[in-house]
Amino acid sequence: MDQPNVQKRKLTFEDSVIKKIAGNVSGDIDGILSMNGGFMSNIADRFRSDTDPTKGIDAEVGQKQVALDMEATLEYGADAQVIFDQLCDHIYQALKQMTGLELIELNLNVTDIMTKREWANQTNEGKKETKDRVS
């Protein structure tokens, strides 16, 4: 399909779009239990349908490049460097494919580590499961 002969063209993205892409990608990385918004009481409801995938993510979006700051809780015993490398690679690829923007900086601050059991006990699903078992 031929491109229209438009002399001025500009495609831009809101920070929230970039944050949502990064958040959705992070949900697929093994070892990341949650993206944190800074409040332990709001840890990770990533399996619920009303979860905010932008929680714990800040983005700076330029015309061609993106920089991200992220906060996460990782699974106890997981290799943080492997998780970080996968996160960088997957977000880079997703942003490039969906937006054409290049990820030039990603900073991940690990705010906590938890076992899956500890994490489940602090989420709504985990509390419900525990309550159902203990009745």
Protein backbone atom coordinates (compact mmCIF):
# COMPACT_ATOMS: atom_id res chain seq x y z
CA MET A 1 0.00 0.00 0.00
CA ASP A 2 1.40 3.38 -0.99
CA GLN A 3 1.95 5.98 1.71
CA PRO A 4 -0.02 9.18 1.18
CA ASN A 5 2.12 12.12 0.19
CA VAL A 6 1.82 13.88 3.54
CA GLN A 7 4.58 16.41 4.08
CA LYS A 8 4.41 16.53 7.88
CA ARG A 9 3.85 13.32 9.82
CA LYS A 10 4.26 12.70 13.52
CA LEU A 11 3.32 9.67 15.60
CA THR A 12 3.45 10.14 19.38
CA PHE A 13 2.63 8.03 22.42
CA GLU A 14 1.44 9.01 25.87
CA ASP A 15 3.66 7.87 28.74
CA SER A 16 0.75 5.72 29.94
CA VAL A 17 0.83 3.67 26.72
CA ILE A 18 4.53 2.92 27.11
CA LYS A 19 4.04 2.11 30.80
CA LYS A 20 1.19 -0.27 29.93
CA ILE A 21 3.33 -2.13 27.38
CA ALA A 22 6.17 -2.47 29.91
CA GLY A 23 3.75 -3.58 32.64
CA ASN A 24 2.11 -6.20 30.48
CA VAL A 25 5.50 -7.57 29.41
CA SER A 26 6.70 -7.73 33.02
CA GLY A 27 3.70 -9.88 33.91
CA ASP A 28 5.07 -12.58 31.61
CA ILE A 29 8.53 -12.76 33.18
CA ASP A 30 9.01 -15.68 35.59
CA GLY A 31 10.31 -14.53 38.95
CA ILE A 32 8.56 -11.16 38.99
CA LEU A 33 5.80 -11.47 41.57
CA SER A 34 4.56 -7.91 41.22
CA MET A 35 5.26 -4.43 40.02
CA ASN A 36 5.07 -2.17 43.04
CA GLY A 37 3.63 1.28 43.30
CA GLY A 38 5.53 1.94 46.50
CA PHE A 39 2.87 0.71 48.93
CA MET A 40 3.25 -2.80 50.34
CA SER A 41 -0.46 -2.90 51.09
CA ASN A 42 -1.16 -2.71 47.35
CA ILE A 43 1.22 -5.44 46.28
CA ALA A 44 0.49 -7.29 43.13
CA ASP A 45 -2.97 -7.99 42.04
CA ARG A 46 -1.61 -8.79 38.59
CA PHE A 47 -3.87 -11.83 38.21
CA ARG A 48 -7.04 -9.82 38.76
CA SER A 49 -8.78 -8.27 35.79
CA ASP A 50 -8.84 -4.78 37.35
CA THR A 51 -5.08 -4.63 37.97
CA ASP A 52 -3.26 -1.50 36.84
CA PRO A 53 -0.39 -2.75 34.64
CA THR A 54 1.35 0.64 34.94
CA LYS A 55 1.81 0.34 38.71
CA GLY A 56 5.44 0.76 39.75
CA ILE A 57 6.54 2.08 36.35
CA ASP A 58 7.67 5.56 35.33
CA ALA A 59 8.41 6.40 31.71
CA GLU A 60 10.16 9.17 29.85
CA VAL A 61 9.10 9.09 26.22
CA GLY A 62 10.90 11.01 23.50
CA GLN A 63 10.32 11.09 19.77
CA LYS A 64 12.52 8.05 19.14
CA GLN A 65 13.58 6.71 22.53
CA VAL A 66 12.19 5.56 25.87
CA ALA A 67 13.64 5.38 29.38
CA LEU A 68 11.90 3.40 32.13
CA ASP A 69 12.17 3.22 35.92
CA MET A 70 10.46 0.20 37.46
CA GLU A 71 9.94 -1.22 40.96
CA ALA A 72 9.24 -4.88 41.56
CA THR A 73 8.96 -7.67 44.09
CA LEU A 74 10.88 -10.75 42.97
CA GLU A 75 10.43 -14.37 43.91
CA TYR A 76 12.77 -15.53 46.67
CA GLY A 77 15.52 -17.74 45.22
CA ALA A 78 15.12 -16.45 41.66
CA ASP A 79 18.15 -15.09 39.80
CA ALA A 80 17.62 -11.32 39.75
CA GLN A 81 20.18 -10.77 36.96
CA VAL A 82 18.47 -13.29 34.67
CA ILE A 83 15.08 -11.72 35.40
CA PHE A 84 16.47 -8.24 34.70
CA ASP A 85 18.08 -9.35 31.43
CA GLN A 86 14.83 -10.98 30.26
CA LEU A 87 12.85 -7.89 31.27
CA CYS A 88 15.18 -5.60 29.29
CA ASP A 89 15.10 -7.84 26.21
CA HIS A 90 11.34 -8.40 26.20
CA ILE A 91 10.42 -4.78 26.81
CA TYR A 92 12.91 -3.64 24.16
CA GLN A 93 11.37 -5.99 21.59
CA ALA A 94 7.76 -5.14 22.49
CA LEU A 95 8.34 -1.39 22.34
CA LYS A 96 10.23 -1.64 19.05
CA GLN A 97 7.53 -3.83 17.48
CA MET A 98 4.48 -1.89 18.72
CA THR A 99 5.74 1.68 18.64
CA GLY A 100 9.01 1.81 16.74
CA LEU A 101 10.59 3.43 19.81
CA GLU A 102 13.93 2.24 21.17
CA LEU A 103 14.39 1.42 24.85
CA ILE A 104 17.66 3.11 25.79
CA GLU A 105 17.49 2.89 29.58
CA LEU A 106 15.76 0.58 32.04
CA ASN A 107 16.31 0.87 35.78
CA LEU A 108 14.78 -1.84 37.97
CA ASN A 109 14.63 -1.30 41.73
CA VAL A 110 13.89 -4.53 43.58
CA THR A 111 11.87 -3.43 46.60
CA ASP A 112 11.30 -6.87 48.13
CA ILE A 113 11.74 -10.60 47.67
CA MET A 114 9.12 -13.09 48.80
CA THR A 115 8.33 -16.74 48.49
CA LYS A 116 5.28 -17.49 46.39
CA ARG A 117 3.45 -18.45 49.58
CA GLU A 118 4.28 -15.13 51.30
CA TRP A 119 3.25 -13.24 48.19
CA ALA A 120 -0.02 -15.18 47.87
CA ASN A 121 -0.86 -14.47 51.52
CA GLN A 122 -0.56 -10.73 50.84
CA THR A 123 -2.72 -10.72 47.71
CA ASN A 124 -6.49 -11.01 47.61
CA GLU A 125 -6.40 -14.43 45.94
CA GLY A 126 -3.89 -15.75 48.46
CA LYS A 127 -5.93 -14.53 51.41
CA LYS A 128 -9.08 -16.12 49.99
CA GLU A 129 -7.31 -19.45 49.40
CA THR A 130 -5.95 -19.44 52.95
CA LYS A 131 -9.35 -18.59 54.40
CA ASP A 132 -11.01 -21.40 52.38
CA ARG A 133 -8.45 -23.94 53.64
CA VAL A 134 -8.72 -22.88 57.28
CA SER A 135 -12.54 -22.72 57.66
